[in-house]
Amino acid sequence: MLPEDSEKGRTLSARDQLLVVIDPVARRTDGESVRIAKDVLGAAATVRVCLPDGPEEFAKALVKRGARRPVVIGDDRALIRAVGVLHRERELTSCALSVVPVGAAQTLARALGVPAGAVAAARAVLEGVERRLDLLVDDRDDVVLGELRIPPVVSAASGGGAAVDGHPWLRTCQSFVRTLAARPSRVAAAPGPAPARLRVEADGVLVVDLDQPVEGVFLTPGDGGFAEVEVRRAATGSEAAALRVRARTVTVSGSDFRYRADAVVTGPIRTRTWTVRPRAWGLTLPDRP
């Protein structure tokens, strides 16, 4: 039996019942926007608020949501985490996810069509419509919602962040060594990123092999069950044209490459395969013609 709203004297539908999961980063960084979003949602729906302390509690709240529509208040990482949880639980097809972006990282949410501002985003949760979107899933069962890119290799001499991700002590040592070794009259400029040697296959067809250095590889979920793939070859003599294809499955292999999927950097790895899942997940967005 559906719960009844005693003030309005009406029976609440499943759409009126929300599980609002507030990411801890959002609570710390912008409590005022969180409060505004809660007020807007609570004025028009029955809201159960969950305040998880970490990823485990965040996942548990989504899994045990019952018939309530899940709403995430948080940044891009919170949105990615929510889609990943629902995908691993095989529940993406049974619900539409909603998000109110709060926090510094909102690029992905904006690109997907979520309005800016706590009030506009909360109203879209209440008044919007579900739109089914394609999803990239890799061979580890991780998901990609937006752009995936494989950057060129960064040499140790260039001090690029991709080579030292997650190791502050190594960045400090490199900085110290560069300071001691700096001799402008004798030392040449540090080399920039070197082209990567990668093998890229799209639906089993070879796009580029290890003998053709590339400046980068880009994948995005397109529409109709295909990923948009762009391979930027390293220029040799004249500017090399980018190769663009559409594929359902993309495999990239090479020697210890890293990639950035949405907001997360992964690697180094030697091979990875991504497969498009057509219309795999639903996001509540403003109802626009």
Protein backbone atom coordinates (compact mmCIF):
# COMPACT_ATOMS: atom_id res chain seq x y z
CA MET A 1 0.00 0.00 0.00
CA LEU A 2 1.31 3.43 -0.94
CA PRO A 3 1.95 5.94 1.84
CA GLU A 4 -0.48 8.82 2.14
CA ASP A 5 0.41 12.49 2.35
CA SER A 6 -1.74 13.70 5.27
CA GLU A 7 -1.38 17.39 4.41
CA LYS A 8 -2.48 17.14 0.79
CA GLY A 9 -4.82 14.20 1.29
CA ARG A 10 -3.58 12.28 -1.71
CA THR A 11 -1.95 8.97 -2.38
CA LEU A 12 1.71 9.27 -3.28
CA SER A 13 2.98 7.54 -6.37
CA ALA A 14 6.40 5.90 -6.55
CA ARG A 15 7.62 9.01 -8.40
CA ASP A 16 6.77 11.14 -5.35
CA GLN A 17 8.95 9.04 -3.06
CA LEU A 18 12.63 9.93 -3.15
CA LEU A 19 15.74 8.52 -1.54
CA VAL A 20 18.12 11.48 -1.37
CA VAL A 21 21.71 10.36 -0.89
CA ILE A 22 23.96 13.28 0.03
CA ASP A 23 27.62 12.70 -0.72
CA PRO A 24 29.92 13.62 2.19
CA VAL A 25 32.09 15.82 -0.06
CA ALA A 26 29.03 17.90 -0.99
CA ARG A 27 28.13 18.32 2.69
CA ARG A 28 31.62 19.59 3.47
CA THR A 29 32.12 21.86 0.46
CA ASP A 30 28.73 23.51 -0.03
CA GLY A 31 26.28 22.88 2.78
CA GLU A 32 24.07 25.78 1.69
CA SER A 33 23.40 24.29 -1.76
CA VAL A 34 22.67 20.94 -0.12
CA ARG A 35 20.13 22.58 2.18
CA ILE A 36 18.44 24.40 -0.71
CA ALA A 37 18.17 21.19 -2.76
CA LYS A 38 16.67 19.32 0.22
CA ASP A 39 14.11 22.09 0.77
CA VAL A 40 13.00 22.13 -2.89
CA LEU A 41 12.71 18.35 -3.05
CA GLY A 42 10.99 18.07 0.33
CA ALA A 43 8.37 20.65 -0.60
CA ALA A 44 7.00 18.51 -3.43
CA ALA A 45 7.79 14.89 -2.54
CA THR A 46 8.20 12.48 0.34
CA VAL A 47 11.93 12.45 0.98
CA ARG A 48 14.09 10.03 2.92
CA VAL A 49 17.55 11.53 3.40
CA CYS A 50 20.68 9.38 3.70
CA LEU A 51 24.01 10.81 4.90
CA PRO A 52 26.64 8.16 4.12
CA ASP A 53 30.10 8.57 5.61
CA GLY A 54 31.89 6.75 2.81
CA PRO A 55 31.58 4.70 -0.39
CA GLU A 56 30.38 1.55 1.39
CA GLU A 57 27.46 3.29 3.09
CA PHE A 58 26.75 5.19 -0.13
CA ALA A 59 26.40 1.91 -2.04
CA LYS A 60 24.33 0.26 0.68
CA ALA A 61 21.84 3.14 0.67
CA LEU A 62 21.28 2.85 -3.07
CA VAL A 63 20.91 -0.92 -2.99
CA LYS A 64 18.36 -0.79 -0.16
CA ARG A 65 16.31 2.08 -1.60
CA GLY A 66 13.16 -0.03 -2.09
CA ALA A 67 10.58 1.64 -4.35
CA ARG A 68 12.01 5.12 -3.85
CA ARG A 69 13.61 7.02 -6.73
CA PRO A 70 17.32 7.56 -6.07
CA VAL A 71 18.56 11.15 -6.05
CA VAL A 72 22.25 11.90 -5.57
CA ILE A 73 23.38 15.27 -4.27
CA GLY A 74 27.08 15.52 -5.07
CA ASP A 75 29.70 16.09 -7.72
CA ASP A 76 30.68 14.11 -10.81
CA ARG A 77 32.45 11.44 -8.77
CA ALA A 78 29.29 10.82 -6.75
CA LEU A 79 27.29 10.45 -9.98
CA ILE A 80 29.83 8.00 -11.41
CA ARG A 81 29.86 6.03 -8.16
CA ALA A 82 26.06 5.79 -8.15
CA VAL A 83 25.87 4.52 -11.74
CA GLY A 84 28.64 2.03 -10.99
CA VAL A 85 26.82 0.68 -7.94
CA LEU A 86 23.52 0.27 -9.77
CA HIS A 87 25.29 -1.34 -12.73
CA ARG A 88 27.07 -3.92 -10.57
CA GLU A 89 23.77 -4.71 -8.85
CA ARG A 90 22.15 -5.02 -12.29
CA GLU A 91 19.54 -2.45 -11.32
CA LEU A 92 20.16 0.27 -13.90
CA THR A 93 17.27 -0.89 -16.05
CA SER A 94 14.76 -0.74 -13.19
CA CYS A 95 15.22 2.88 -12.09
CA ALA A 96 16.02 6.35 -13.33
CA LEU A 97 18.80 8.12 -11.46
CA SER A 98 18.58 11.81 -10.61
CA VAL A 99 21.39 14.14 -9.60
CA VAL A 100 21.71 17.60 -8.07
CA PRO A 101 25.31 18.68 -8.79
CA VAL A 102 27.04 20.14 -5.74
CA GLY A 103 30.80 20.56 -5.55
CA ALA A 104 33.64 21.75 -7.72
CA ALA A 105 33.56 18.90 -10.27
CA GLN A 106 30.37 19.28 -12.32
CA THR A 107 31.66 19.02 -15.89
CA LEU A 108 30.18 15.60 -16.55
CA ALA A 109 26.75 16.46 -15.12
CA ARG A 110 26.60 19.60 -17.25
CA ALA A 111 27.62 17.70 -20.38
CA LEU A 112 24.82 15.20 -19.76
CA GLY A 113 22.26 18.02 -19.57
CA VAL A 114 21.75 18.48 -15.83
CA PRO A 115 20.88 22.14 -15.08
CA ALA A 116 23.24 24.40 -13.15
CA GLY A 117 22.27 25.51 -9.66
CA ALA A 118 20.67 23.64 -6.80
CA VAL A 119 17.16 25.00 -7.41
CA ALA A 120 17.06 24.30 -11.16
CA ALA A 121 18.58 20.84 -10.74
CA ALA A 122 16.15 19.93 -7.94
CA ARG A 123 13.20 21.08 -10.03
CA ALA A 124 14.44 18.91 -12.88
CA VAL A 125 14.38 15.95 -10.48
CA LEU A 126 10.72 16.67 -9.72
CA GLU A 127 9.48 17.75 -13.15
CA GLY A 128 11.90 16.16 -15.60
CA VAL A 129 11.70 13.02 -17.69
CA GLU A 130 13.84 9.92 -17.86
CA ARG A 131 16.23 9.76 -20.77
CA ARG A 132 17.94 6.49 -21.57
CA LEU A 133 21.65 6.86 -22.30
CA ASP A 134 24.31 4.56 -23.68
CA LEU A 135 27.03 3.34 -21.36
CA LEU A 136 30.60 2.13 -21.86
CA VAL A 137 31.50 -0.89 -19.73
CA ASP A 138 35.02 -2.30 -19.62
CA ASP A 139 36.24 -5.84 -19.07
CA ARG A 140 36.48 -5.20 -15.30
CA ASP A 141 32.80 -4.18 -15.20
CA ASP A 142 33.66 -0.51 -14.59
CA VAL A 143 31.52 2.13 -16.30
CA VAL A 144 32.22 5.25 -18.36
CA LEU A 145 29.52 7.90 -18.64
CA GLY A 146 31.31 10.63 -20.58
CA GLU A 147 34.68 10.90 -22.29
CA LEU A 148 37.52 8.42 -21.99
CA ARG A 149 40.94 9.52 -23.17
CA ILE A 150 44.32 7.92 -23.36
CA PRO A 151 47.00 10.62 -23.26
CA PRO A 152 50.49 10.38 -24.73
CA VAL A 153 53.29 8.96 -22.61
CA VAL A 154 54.90 11.45 -20.23
CA SER A 155 58.63 10.98 -19.72
CA ALA A 156 60.12 11.15 -16.25
CA ALA A 157 62.24 14.12 -17.31
CA SER A 158 59.17 16.18 -18.08
CA GLY A 159 57.80 15.74 -14.57
CA GLY A 160 54.27 15.13 -15.84
CA GLY A 161 51.63 14.37 -13.24
CA ALA A 162 50.43 11.26 -15.07
CA ALA A 163 53.72 9.55 -14.29
CA VAL A 164 53.55 10.16 -10.58
CA ASP A 165 49.83 10.05 -9.76
CA GLY A 166 49.22 9.15 -6.14
CA HIS A 167 52.87 9.52 -5.03
CA PRO A 168 53.46 12.98 -3.51
CA TRP A 169 56.86 11.91 -2.21
CA LEU A 170 58.00 11.13 -5.76
CA ARG A 171 56.87 14.54 -7.00
CA THR A 172 58.86 16.14 -4.17
CA CYS A 173 62.01 14.16 -5.04
CA GLN A 174 61.70 15.03 -8.73
CA SER A 175 61.24 18.70 -7.91
CA PHE A 176 64.34 18.61 -5.68
CA VAL A 177 66.43 16.90 -8.36
CA ARG A 178 65.30 19.41 -11.01
CA THR A 179 66.25 22.28 -8.70
CA LEU A 180 69.76 20.89 -8.17
CA ALA A 181 70.24 20.05 -11.84
CA ALA A 182 68.92 23.33 -13.28
CA ARG A 183 71.67 24.94 -15.37
CA PRO A 184 70.03 27.08 -18.08
CA SER A 185 73.26 27.45 -20.06
CA ARG A 186 73.91 23.68 -20.19
CA VAL A 187 70.64 21.84 -19.80
CA ALA A 188 68.22 21.60 -22.73
CA ALA A 189 64.51 22.06 -22.20
CA ALA A 190 62.80 19.02 -20.75
CA PRO A 191 61.10 16.92 -23.41
CA GLY A 192 57.32 16.98 -23.55
CA PRO A 193 55.00 14.00 -23.77
CA ALA A 194 56.17 11.37 -26.22
CA PRO A 195 53.72 9.75 -28.64
CA ALA A 196 52.20 6.51 -27.41
CA ARG A 197 52.56 3.14 -29.11
CA LEU A 198 49.12 1.58 -29.02
CA ARG A 199 47.13 -1.02 -30.89
CA VAL A 200 43.50 0.03 -31.32
CA GLU A 201 40.82 -2.33 -32.59
CA ALA A 202 37.21 -1.36 -33.27
CA ASP A 203 34.78 -4.28 -33.58
CA GLY A 204 37.75 -6.51 -34.35
CA VAL A 205 39.07 -4.26 -37.14
CA LEU A 206 42.54 -2.79 -36.70
CA VAL A 207 42.48 1.01 -36.59
CA VAL A 208 46.10 1.67 -35.69
CA ASP A 209 48.99 -0.63 -34.76
CA LEU A 210 52.05 -0.31 -32.55
CA ASP A 211 54.22 0.91 -35.44
CA GLN A 212 52.14 4.11 -35.75
CA PRO A 213 52.68 6.46 -32.78
CA VAL A 214 49.59 8.32 -31.62
CA GLU A 215 49.05 11.57 -29.72
CA GLY A 216 45.88 10.32 -28.06
CA VAL A 217 42.84 8.05 -28.21
CA PHE A 218 39.35 9.29 -27.30
CA LEU A 219 36.17 7.28 -26.69
CA THR A 220 32.70 8.58 -25.87
CA PRO A 221 29.35 6.78 -25.66
CA GLY A 222 27.46 7.90 -28.75
CA ASP A 223 23.92 6.91 -29.56
CA GLY A 224 22.28 3.91 -31.14
CA GLY A 225 24.63 1.52 -29.37
CA PHE A 226 27.88 2.82 -30.86
CA ALA A 227 30.91 4.51 -29.29
CA GLU A 228 32.58 7.43 -31.04
CA VAL A 229 36.29 6.63 -31.40
CA GLU A 230 38.97 9.13 -32.38
CA VAL A 231 42.64 8.24 -32.82
CA ARG A 232 45.00 11.19 -33.25
CA ARG A 233 48.13 10.01 -34.98
CA ALA A 234 51.46 11.69 -34.32
CA ALA A 235 52.39 14.16 -37.05
CA THR A 236 55.21 13.02 -39.33
CA GLY A 237 56.39 15.78 -41.64
CA SER A 238 52.92 17.17 -42.30
CA GLU A 239 50.03 17.23 -39.87
CA ALA A 240 48.48 13.76 -39.62
CA ALA A 241 44.73 13.48 -39.82
CA ALA A 242 42.71 11.99 -37.00
CA LEU A 243 41.01 8.66 -37.57
CA ARG A 244 37.34 8.53 -36.55
CA VAL A 245 35.20 5.40 -36.40
CA ARG A 246 32.07 4.14 -34.65
CA ALA A 247 32.12 0.77 -32.93
CA ARG A 248 30.31 -1.38 -30.39
CA THR A 249 33.51 -2.79 -28.89
CA VAL A 250 36.92 -1.12 -28.65
CA THR A 251 40.14 -2.81 -27.50
CA VAL A 252 43.33 -0.86 -26.75
CA SER A 253 46.62 -2.56 -25.97
CA GLY A 254 50.16 -1.35 -25.55
CA SER A 255 52.99 -1.01 -23.09
CA ASP A 256 51.87 0.33 -19.71
CA PHE A 257 49.41 3.03 -20.73
CA ARG A 258 47.11 5.08 -18.54
CA TYR A 259 43.67 6.43 -19.30
CA ARG A 260 41.25 8.92 -17.83
CA ALA A 261 37.61 7.84 -17.77
CA ASP A 262 35.31 10.62 -16.59
CA ALA A 263 37.11 11.87 -13.47
CA VAL A 264 39.19 8.77 -12.69
CA VAL A 265 42.73 7.95 -13.84
CA THR A 266 43.52 4.24 -14.22
CA GLY A 267 46.77 2.46 -15.01
CA PRO A 268 49.34 1.61 -16.00
CA ILE A 269 47.81 -1.36 -17.82
CA ARG A 270 48.59 -3.36 -20.97
CA THR A 271 45.17 -3.99 -22.46
CA ARG A 272 41.54 -3.04 -21.93
CA THR A 273 38.29 -3.60 -23.80
CA TRP A 274 35.23 -1.34 -23.67
CA THR A 275 31.78 -2.41 -24.84
CA VAL A 276 28.76 -0.18 -25.47
CA ARG A 277 25.57 -1.01 -23.59
CA PRO A 278 22.76 0.70 -25.52
CA ARG A 279 20.28 2.70 -23.44
CA ALA A 280 21.73 1.04 -20.36
CA TRP A 281 20.92 3.73 -17.81
CA GLY A 282 18.35 6.42 -17.21
CA LEU A 283 18.97 9.99 -16.05
CA THR A 284 16.20 12.44 -15.12
CA LEU A 285 16.63 15.60 -17.19
CA PRO A 286 14.50 18.67 -17.94
CA ASP A 287 11.58 17.98 -20.27
CA ARG A 288 12.60 20.02 -23.31
CA PRO A 289 11.19 19.75 -26.84
